[in-house]
Protein backbone atom coordinates (compact mmCIF):
# COMPACT_ATOMS: atom_id res chain seq x y z
CA UNK A 1 256.67 57.39 109.08
CA UNK A 2 255.13 55.60 111.63
CA UNK A 3 251.69 56.02 110.06
CA UNK A 4 253.19 54.04 106.69
CA UNK A 5 254.25 51.13 108.98
CA UNK A 6 251.96 51.39 111.14
CA UNK A 7 249.14 50.51 108.28
CA UNK A 8 251.36 47.94 106.77
CA UNK A 9 251.43 45.79 109.62
CA UNK A 10 247.67 46.29 110.21
CA UNK A 11 247.27 45.43 106.52
CA UNK A 12 249.42 42.13 107.02
CA UNK A 13 247.48 41.34 110.06
CA UNK A 14 244.83 41.73 108.26
CA UNK A 15 245.56 39.78 105.55
CA UNK A 16 246.40 36.48 107.64
CA UNK A 17 243.27 37.08 109.77
CA UNK A 18 240.88 36.64 106.74
CA UNK A 19 243.14 33.83 105.30
CA UNK A 20 243.00 31.98 108.49
CA UNK A 21 238.91 32.95 108.33
CA UNK A 22 238.66 31.86 104.81
CA UNK A 23 240.29 28.23 105.71
CA UNK A 24 237.65 26.38 108.34
CA UNK A 25 233.49 26.23 106.84
CA UNK A 26 230.63 26.36 108.96
CA UNK A 27 228.37 23.79 107.77
CA UNK A 28 225.68 24.47 110.12
CA UNK A 29 226.05 21.59 112.17
CA UNK A 30 224.91 21.68 115.99
CA UNK A 31 227.53 21.26 117.58
CA UNK A 32 229.52 24.26 116.03
CA UNK A 33 232.27 22.51 114.19
CA UNK A 34 234.19 24.20 111.55
CA UNK A 35 235.71 21.57 108.95
CA UNK A 36 238.83 22.50 107.47
CA UNK A 37 238.25 23.25 103.84
CA UNK A 38 241.15 20.91 102.56
CA UNK A 39 243.09 18.49 103.96
CA UNK A 40 246.37 17.90 105.20
CA UNK A 41 248.90 17.16 102.88
CA UNK A 42 250.63 12.96 103.18
CA UNK A 43 249.09 10.22 105.24
CA UNK A 44 249.66 10.93 108.69
CA UNK A 45 249.77 7.72 111.10
CA UNK A 46 247.41 8.15 114.08
CA UNK A 47 250.55 8.41 116.12
CA UNK A 48 252.24 10.84 113.61
CA UNK A 49 248.12 12.63 113.22
CA UNK A 50 247.28 13.75 117.45
CA UNK A 51 251.79 14.44 117.36
CA UNK A 52 251.44 17.51 114.76
CA UNK A 53 247.46 18.27 115.26
CA UNK A 54 245.82 17.09 118.76
CA UNK A 55 243.12 19.05 119.61
CA UNK A 56 242.42 20.16 115.56
CA UNK A 57 241.85 16.97 114.82
CA UNK A 58 238.02 15.65 114.99
CA UNK A 59 236.95 13.74 117.74
CA UNK A 60 234.66 10.16 116.57
CA UNK A 61 231.28 12.42 117.63
CA UNK A 62 232.34 15.34 115.17
CA UNK A 63 232.68 12.22 112.53
CA UNK A 64 228.89 10.69 113.58
CA UNK A 65 227.84 14.31 113.17
CA UNK A 66 228.88 14.63 110.37
CA UNK A 67 228.13 11.70 108.55
CA UNK A 68 224.61 11.83 110.00
CA UNK A 69 223.66 15.43 109.93
CA UNK A 70 224.67 16.15 106.30
CA UNK A 71 224.09 15.67 102.95
CA UNK A 72 226.89 13.12 101.12
CA UNK A 73 227.35 13.83 96.80
CA UNK A 74 228.98 11.17 95.27
CA UNK A 75 231.50 12.48 93.25
CA UNK A 76 233.93 11.13 90.73
CA UNK A 77 236.62 11.78 92.84
CA UNK A 78 235.26 11.49 96.18
CA UNK A 79 232.43 13.63 98.19
CA UNK A 80 230.89 16.34 98.41
CA UNK A 81 229.98 16.95 101.96
CA UNK A 82 226.57 19.84 102.52
CA UNK A 83 225.92 21.07 105.68
CA UNK A 84 222.39 21.89 107.13
CA UNK A 85 223.22 25.37 106.13
CA UNK A 86 224.04 25.13 102.44
CA UNK A 87 227.86 25.16 102.85
CA UNK A 88 230.32 22.50 101.70
CA UNK A 89 233.31 20.31 101.52
CA UNK A 90 235.20 18.06 99.26
CA UNK A 91 235.89 15.07 100.58
CA UNK A 92 238.60 13.47 97.71
CA UNK A 93 238.76 9.31 98.07
CA UNK A 94 242.61 8.97 96.24
CA UNK A 95 243.90 6.71 98.84
CA UNK A 96 245.60 5.23 101.92
CA UNK A 97 248.56 3.91 102.80
CA UNK A 98 249.34 0.87 104.69
CA UNK A 99 251.02 -0.43 107.70
CA UNK A 100 254.58 -1.65 105.52
CA UNK A 101 253.79 2.40 103.83
CA UNK A 102 252.04 0.89 100.49
CA UNK A 103 249.41 2.96 98.72
CA UNK A 104 246.66 1.24 98.62
CA UNK A 105 242.94 1.87 96.87
CA UNK A 106 243.00 4.57 94.13
CA UNK A 107 241.95 4.21 90.49
CA UNK A 108 238.07 4.45 89.92
CA UNK A 109 237.27 2.23 93.20
CA UNK A 110 239.72 4.35 95.48
CA UNK A 111 238.60 5.01 99.50
CA UNK A 112 239.95 7.45 101.48
CA UNK A 113 240.44 7.27 105.19
CA UNK A 114 239.90 9.60 107.89
CA UNK A 115 241.24 9.50 111.15
CA UNK A 116 239.52 11.23 114.25
CA UNK A 117 241.67 11.86 118.05
CA UNK A 118 239.76 8.73 119.71
CA UNK A 119 241.44 6.05 120.43
CA UNK A 120 239.89 2.44 120.29
CA UNK A 121 241.44 -0.73 122.48
CA UNK A 122 244.76 -0.59 122.09
CA UNK A 123 245.83 -0.77 118.63
CA UNK A 124 242.71 0.97 116.71
CA UNK A 125 241.37 4.09 116.42
CA UNK A 126 238.19 5.67 115.19
CA UNK A 127 238.19 7.16 111.57
CA UNK A 128 236.17 8.22 108.43
CA UNK A 129 236.12 5.89 106.07
CA UNK A 130 234.90 6.96 102.37
CA UNK A 131 234.63 5.04 98.88
CA UNK A 132 232.12 7.07 96.93
CA UNK A 133 231.98 4.45 93.95
CA UNK A 134 230.69 2.25 96.33
CA UNK A 135 228.43 4.93 98.10
CA UNK A 136 230.16 4.44 101.37
CA UNK A 137 230.57 6.85 104.12
CA UNK A 138 230.50 4.89 107.63
CA UNK A 139 232.88 5.51 110.89
CA UNK A 140 234.74 2.73 111.84
CA UNK A 141 237.58 1.36 114.01
CA UNK A 142 238.86 -1.68 112.20
CA UNK A 143 242.41 -0.86 111.17
CA UNK A 144 245.24 -0.49 113.03
CA UNK A 145 247.30 3.11 114.10
CA UNK A 146 249.99 2.53 111.94
CA UNK A 147 247.97 2.80 108.71
CA UNK A 148 248.32 5.63 106.80
CA UNK A 149 245.89 8.07 106.23
CA UNK A 150 244.04 11.66 105.89
CA UNK A 151 243.51 14.06 108.33
CA UNK A 152 241.21 16.72 107.73
CA UNK A 153 240.97 19.97 110.53
CA UNK A 154 238.20 21.16 112.92
CA UNK A 155 237.97 23.88 115.06
């Protein structure tokens, strides 16, 4: 009976480890940063993102590396971001939440914004701005921290 229990506990641990390891994608970036293969659900204010995810939020430098070192392939509803090693992640562009909670920028010309952990001044922080229909993917700090943006975690 002990052998059977040990087998099942080992199997469960292996499954959990495998699922966790597959959640992140190695894009072959110089920093070694691994990017989660999907967004966290919901839109987060900067304070909510930092509180919930802490050091798993990308820094401004990690976002800049993603923009500069990867190829960005336009897709109708976002970008396929292809790393130097050929692996890729998908960043959807389907809106964000303004400071009053209203969902903005949806439809064909949708854009999305992704928080970094790096503050900028007293009321803003750095973020990734993507707008595939307009061919835009850059780093910005022009919106206040009370807007709701997506979060893409790193490790």
